[in-house]
Amino acid sequence: MTFAAYVLEKWRMKGKSQALRNHLGNMNTDPIADLLTRIRNAQMARLEVTVVPYSKMKFSIAQILERRGFVKNVELKGRGIKRVIQIGLKYRAEGTPRVLGLKRVSKPGQRKYSDVLRMHKVKGGTGIAIISTSKGLMSDIDARKEKIGGEVICEVW
């Protein structure tokens, strides 16, 4: 049986959307929200490490979280299409997660931008916002130092 015949058979059995989902893999419309959700879920389960499919944007976000002390370490594993980002999660002495909250601000359906003058501090300065600027991804703290604004990707506290 050819692959096309197999897919057609699955369509008849399960319906088009389910068969496409099974055979095309995880077609995520918002990979950044997926990254944030994976971190949130892993910390709720008290895992030491979480693994996320690789993209340059997600890797940059994870590196910013590492630099600001929200995650323990960020490593790139695998080669080619099988590359993944391994994120070591950080916990406080009493066992609570270091990341208390993650919020996706600018979404694919509604983009949010902020200039340097209107950029607010996250949770009174205890958190950070990750901003996509003309100089690349950076935290809101670094964006204020550089005096540039951009798209507010997410907030972490």
C-alpha atoms as a PDB file:
ATOM      1  CA  MET A   1       0.000   0.000   0.000  1.00  0.00           C
ATOM      2  CA  THR A   2       1.389   3.399  -0.941  1.00  0.00           C
ATOM      3  CA  PHE A   3       1.596   6.251   1.530  1.00  0.00           C
ATOM      4  CA  ALA A   4      -1.129   8.190  -0.327  1.00  0.00           C
ATOM      5  CA  ALA A   5      -3.477   5.174  -0.182  1.00  0.00           C
ATOM      6  CA  TYR A   6      -2.715   4.770   3.512  1.00  0.00           C
ATOM      7  CA  VAL A   7      -3.568   8.428   4.208  1.00  0.00           C
ATOM      8  CA  LEU A   8      -6.788   8.173   2.190  1.00  0.00           C
ATOM      9  CA  GLU A   9      -7.778   5.103   4.179  1.00  0.00           C
ATOM     10  CA  LYS A  10      -7.114   6.964   7.438  1.00  0.00           C
ATOM     11  CA  TRP A  11      -9.221   9.884   6.183  1.00  0.00           C
ATOM     12  CA  ARG A  12     -12.143   7.569   5.630  1.00  0.00           C
ATOM     13  CA  MET A  13     -11.690   6.022   9.073  1.00  0.00           C
ATOM     14  CA  LYS A  14     -10.930   9.033  11.280  1.00  0.00           C
ATOM     15  CA  GLY A  15     -11.848  12.134   9.346  1.00  0.00           C
ATOM     16  CA  LYS A  16      -9.654  14.554   7.447  1.00  0.00           C
ATOM     17  CA  SER A  17      -8.367  16.722  10.270  1.00  0.00           C
ATOM     18  CA  GLN A  18      -7.336  13.805  12.506  1.00  0.00           C
ATOM     19  CA  ALA A  19      -5.545  11.983   9.640  1.00  0.00           C
ATOM     20  CA  LEU A  20      -3.687  15.139   8.631  1.00  0.00           C
ATOM     21  CA  ARG A  21      -2.679  15.780  12.232  1.00  0.00           C
ATOM     22  CA  ASN A  22      -1.357  12.226  12.582  1.00  0.00           C
ATOM     23  CA  HIS A  23       0.677  12.260   9.384  1.00  0.00           C
ATOM     24  CA  LEU A  24       1.918  15.827   9.208  1.00  0.00           C
ATOM     25  CA  GLY A  25       3.110  15.937  12.802  1.00  0.00           C
ATOM     26  CA  ASN A  26       2.714  18.834  15.173  1.00  0.00           C
ATOM     27  CA  MET A  27       1.809  21.793  12.983  1.00  0.00           C
ATOM     28  CA  ASN A  28       1.989  24.472  15.616  1.00  0.00           C
ATOM     29  CA  THR A  29       0.606  27.890  14.690  1.00  0.00           C
ATOM     30  CA  ASP A  30       2.322  29.619  17.621  1.00  0.00           C
ATOM     31  CA  PRO A  31       5.675  27.991  18.453  1.00  0.00           C
ATOM     32  CA  ILE A  32       6.571  30.625  21.069  1.00  0.00           C
ATOM     33  CA  ALA A  33       3.385  29.930  23.030  1.00  0.00           C
ATOM     34  CA  ASP A  34       4.265  26.236  22.746  1.00  0.00           C
ATOM     35  CA  LEU A  35       7.729  26.931  24.251  1.00  0.00           C
ATOM     36  CA  LEU A  36       6.209  28.864  27.159  1.00  0.00           C
ATOM     37  CA  THR A  37       3.598  26.161  27.755  1.00  0.00           C
ATOM     38  CA  ARG A  38       6.219  23.401  27.771  1.00  0.00           C
ATOM     39  CA  ILE A  39       8.281  25.297  30.366  1.00  0.00           C
ATOM     40  CA  ARG A  40       5.172  25.995  32.483  1.00  0.00           C
ATOM     41  CA  ASN A  41       3.989  22.357  32.335  1.00  0.00           C
ATOM     42  CA  ALA A  42       7.455  20.941  33.093  1.00  0.00           C
ATOM     43  CA  GLN A  43       7.774  23.134  36.174  1.00  0.00           C
ATOM     44  CA  MET A  44       4.292  22.171  37.382  1.00  0.00           C
ATOM     45  CA  ALA A  45       5.391  18.521  37.085  1.00  0.00           C
ATOM     46  CA  ARG A  46       8.667  19.371  38.924  1.00  0.00           C
ATOM     47  CA  LEU A  47      10.822  18.097  36.051  1.00  0.00           C
ATOM     48  CA  GLU A  48      14.536  18.928  35.936  1.00  0.00           C
ATOM     49  CA  VAL A  49      14.675  19.264  32.128  1.00  0.00           C
ATOM     50  CA  THR A  50      12.265  19.959  29.288  1.00  0.00           C
ATOM     51  CA  VAL A  51      12.865  19.463  25.575  1.00  0.00           C
ATOM     52  CA  VAL A  52      11.512  21.778  22.863  1.00  0.00           C
ATOM     53  CA  PRO A  53      11.783  21.502  19.044  1.00  0.00           C
ATOM     54  CA  TYR A  54      14.502  23.835  17.744  1.00  0.00           C
ATOM     55  CA  SER A  55      14.045  27.194  16.073  1.00  0.00           C
ATOM     56  CA  LYS A  56      16.321  30.232  16.170  1.00  0.00           C
ATOM     57  CA  MET A  57      13.658  32.344  17.852  1.00  0.00           C
ATOM     58  CA  LYS A  58      12.927  29.793  20.607  1.00  0.00           C
ATOM     59  CA  PHE A  59      16.654  29.255  21.172  1.00  0.00           C
ATOM     60  CA  SER A  60      17.179  33.018  21.562  1.00  0.00           C
ATOM     61  CA  ILE A  61      14.286  33.268  24.030  1.00  0.00           C
ATOM     62  CA  ALA A  62      15.688  30.362  26.054  1.00  0.00           C
ATOM     63  CA  GLN A  63      19.152  31.986  26.106  1.00  0.00           C
ATOM     64  CA  ILE A  64      17.658  35.237  27.432  1.00  0.00           C
ATOM     65  CA  LEU A  65      15.868  33.270  30.162  1.00  0.00           C
ATOM     66  CA  GLU A  66      19.185  31.637  31.045  1.00  0.00           C
ATOM     67  CA  ARG A  67      21.079  34.957  31.148  1.00  0.00           C
ATOM     68  CA  ARG A  68      18.424  36.487  33.423  1.00  0.00           C
ATOM     69  CA  GLY A  69      18.469  33.500  35.790  1.00  0.00           C
ATOM     70  CA  PHE A  70      15.026  32.022  35.095  1.00  0.00           C
ATOM     71  CA  VAL A  71      16.360  28.680  33.817  1.00  0.00           C
ATOM     72  CA  LYS A  72      19.462  26.724  34.774  1.00  0.00           C
ATOM     73  CA  ASN A  73      20.938  25.969  31.370  1.00  0.00           C
ATOM     74  CA  VAL A  74      20.070  25.823  27.666  1.00  0.00           C
ATOM     75  CA  GLU A  75      21.679  23.291  25.326  1.00  0.00           C
ATOM     76  CA  LEU A  76      21.238  22.492  21.657  1.00  0.00           C
ATOM     77  CA  LYS A  77      20.998  18.736  21.025  1.00  0.00           C
ATOM     78  CA  GLY A  78      20.811  16.657  17.857  1.00  0.00           C
ATOM     79  CA  ARG A  79      21.501  17.474  14.218  1.00  0.00           C
ATOM     80  CA  GLY A  80      19.571  18.641  11.197  1.00  0.00           C
ATOM     81  CA  ILE A  81      15.814  18.294  11.361  1.00  0.00           C
ATOM     82  CA  LYS A  82      16.006  16.414  14.681  1.00  0.00           C
ATOM     83  CA  ARG A  83      17.532  19.335  16.605  1.00  0.00           C
ATOM     84  CA  VAL A  84      15.969  20.137  19.951  1.00  0.00           C
ATOM     85  CA  ILE A  85      16.567  22.642  22.729  1.00  0.00           C
ATOM     86  CA  GLN A  86      17.124  21.101  26.153  1.00  0.00           C
ATOM     87  CA  ILE A  87      16.227  23.517  28.935  1.00  0.00           C
ATOM     88  CA  GLY A  88      17.342  22.818  32.517  1.00  0.00           C
ATOM     89  CA  LEU A  89      14.755  24.203  34.920  1.00  0.00           C
ATOM     90  CA  LYS A  90      15.565  26.086  38.098  1.00  0.00           C
ATOM     91  CA  TYR A  91      13.847  25.813  41.468  1.00  0.00           C
ATOM     92  CA  ARG A  92      14.161  27.785  44.706  1.00  0.00           C
ATOM     93  CA  ALA A  93      15.360  26.219  47.977  1.00  0.00           C
ATOM     94  CA  GLU A  94      11.791  25.594  49.155  1.00  0.00           C
ATOM     95  CA  GLY A  95      11.023  23.765  45.898  1.00  0.00           C
ATOM     96  CA  THR A  96       8.929  26.395  44.134  1.00  0.00           C
ATOM     97  CA  PRO A  97       9.745  27.033  40.469  1.00  0.00           C
ATOM     98  CA  ARG A  98      11.965  30.013  39.634  1.00  0.00           C
ATOM     99  CA  VAL A  99       9.532  30.974  36.869  1.00  0.00           C
ATOM    100  CA  LEU A 100       6.262  31.896  38.576  1.00  0.00           C
ATOM    101  CA  GLY A 101       4.499  33.076  35.424  1.00  0.00           C
ATOM    102  CA  LEU A 102       4.844  33.200  31.659  1.00  0.00           C
ATOM    103  CA  LYS A 103       2.587  35.291  29.439  1.00  0.00           C
ATOM    104  CA  ARG A 104       2.507  35.510  25.655  1.00  0.00           C
ATOM    105  CA  VAL A 105       1.887  39.185  24.845  1.00  0.00           C
ATOM    106  CA  SER A 106       2.193  39.619  21.071  1.00  0.00           C
ATOM    107  CA  LYS A 107       0.218  36.872  19.359  1.00  0.00           C
ATOM    108  CA  PRO A 108       0.023  35.878  15.685  1.00  0.00           C
ATOM    109  CA  GLY A 109      -3.480  37.381  15.461  1.00  0.00           C
ATOM    110  CA  GLN A 110      -2.679  40.568  17.358  1.00  0.00           C
ATOM    111  CA  ARG A 111       0.810  42.029  17.478  1.00  0.00           C
ATOM    112  CA  LYS A 112       1.821  44.318  20.363  1.00  0.00           C
ATOM    113  CA  TYR A 113       4.564  46.900  19.980  1.00  0.00           C
ATOM    114  CA  SER A 114       6.117  49.264  22.486  1.00  0.00           C
ATOM    115  CA  ASP A 115       8.548  52.106  22.168  1.00  0.00           C
ATOM    116  CA  VAL A 116      11.190  52.680  24.812  1.00  0.00           C
ATOM    117  CA  LEU A 117       9.203  55.463  26.537  1.00  0.00           C
ATOM    118  CA  ARG A 118       6.038  53.365  26.974  1.00  0.00           C
ATOM    119  CA  MET A 119       7.780  50.113  27.961  1.00  0.00           C
ATOM    120  CA  HIS A 120       6.514  49.147  31.422  1.00  0.00           C
ATOM    121  CA  LYS A 121       8.349  47.071  34.008  1.00  0.00           C
ATOM    122  CA  VAL A 122       7.050  43.545  34.490  1.00  0.00           C
ATOM    123  CA  LYS A 123       5.729  42.904  38.021  1.00  0.00           C
ATOM    124  CA  GLY A 124       7.436  46.003  39.371  1.00  0.00           C
ATOM    125  CA  GLY A 125      10.839  45.020  38.010  1.00  0.00           C
ATOM    126  CA  THR A 126      10.918  41.431  39.326  1.00  0.00           C
ATOM    127  CA  GLY A 127      10.184  40.020  35.862  1.00  0.00           C
ATOM    128  CA  ILE A 128      11.302  40.690  32.323  1.00  0.00           C
ATOM    129  CA  ALA A 129       9.682  41.224  28.952  1.00  0.00           C
ATOM    130  CA  ILE A 130      11.347  39.747  25.877  1.00  0.00           C
ATOM    131  CA  ILE A 131      11.371  42.247  23.029  1.00  0.00           C
ATOM    132  CA  SER A 132      12.048  41.647  19.335  1.00  0.00           C
ATOM    133  CA  THR A 133      14.013  44.703  18.211  1.00  0.00           C
ATOM    134  CA  SER A 134      15.921  45.751  15.126  1.00  0.00           C
ATOM    135  CA  LYS A 135      19.053  44.542  16.955  1.00  0.00           C
ATOM    136  CA  GLY A 136      17.591  41.097  17.691  1.00  0.00           C
ATOM    137  CA  LEU A 137      15.799  39.605  20.669  1.00  0.00           C
ATOM    138  CA  MET A 138      16.610  41.147  24.039  1.00  0.00           C
ATOM    139  CA  SER A 139      15.118  41.686  27.469  1.00  0.00           C
ATOM    140  CA  ASP A 140      13.269  44.899  28.247  1.00  0.00           C
ATOM    141  CA  ILE A 141      16.161  45.918  30.495  1.00  0.00           C
ATOM    142  CA  ASP A 142      18.626  45.707  27.612  1.00  0.00           C
ATOM    143  CA  ALA A 143      16.157  47.433  25.244  1.00  0.00           C
ATOM    144  CA  ARG A 144      15.883  50.376  27.634  1.00  0.00           C
ATOM    145  CA  LYS A 145      19.704  50.617  27.810  1.00  0.00           C
ATOM    146  CA  GLU A 146      19.898  50.572  23.989  1.00  0.00           C
ATOM    147  CA  LYS A 147      16.960  53.037  23.834  1.00  0.00           C
ATOM    148  CA  ILE A 148      15.011  50.993  21.288  1.00  0.00           C
ATOM    149  CA  GLY A 149      11.529  49.528  21.242  1.00  0.00           C
ATOM    150  CA  GLY A 150       9.974  46.679  19.321  1.00  0.00           C
ATOM    151  CA  GLU A 151       7.481  43.835  19.449  1.00  0.00           C
ATOM    152  CA  VAL A 152       6.790  42.585  22.984  1.00  0.00           C
ATOM    153  CA  ILE A 153       7.022  38.798  22.577  1.00  0.00           C
ATOM    154  CA  CYS A 154       6.341  37.630  26.134  1.00  0.00           C
ATOM    155  CA  GLU A 155       6.630  38.452  29.817  1.00  0.00           C
ATOM    156  CA  VAL A 156       8.295  36.241  32.432  1.00  0.00           C
ATOM    157  CA  TRP A 157       8.265  36.698  36.213  1.00  0.00           C
END
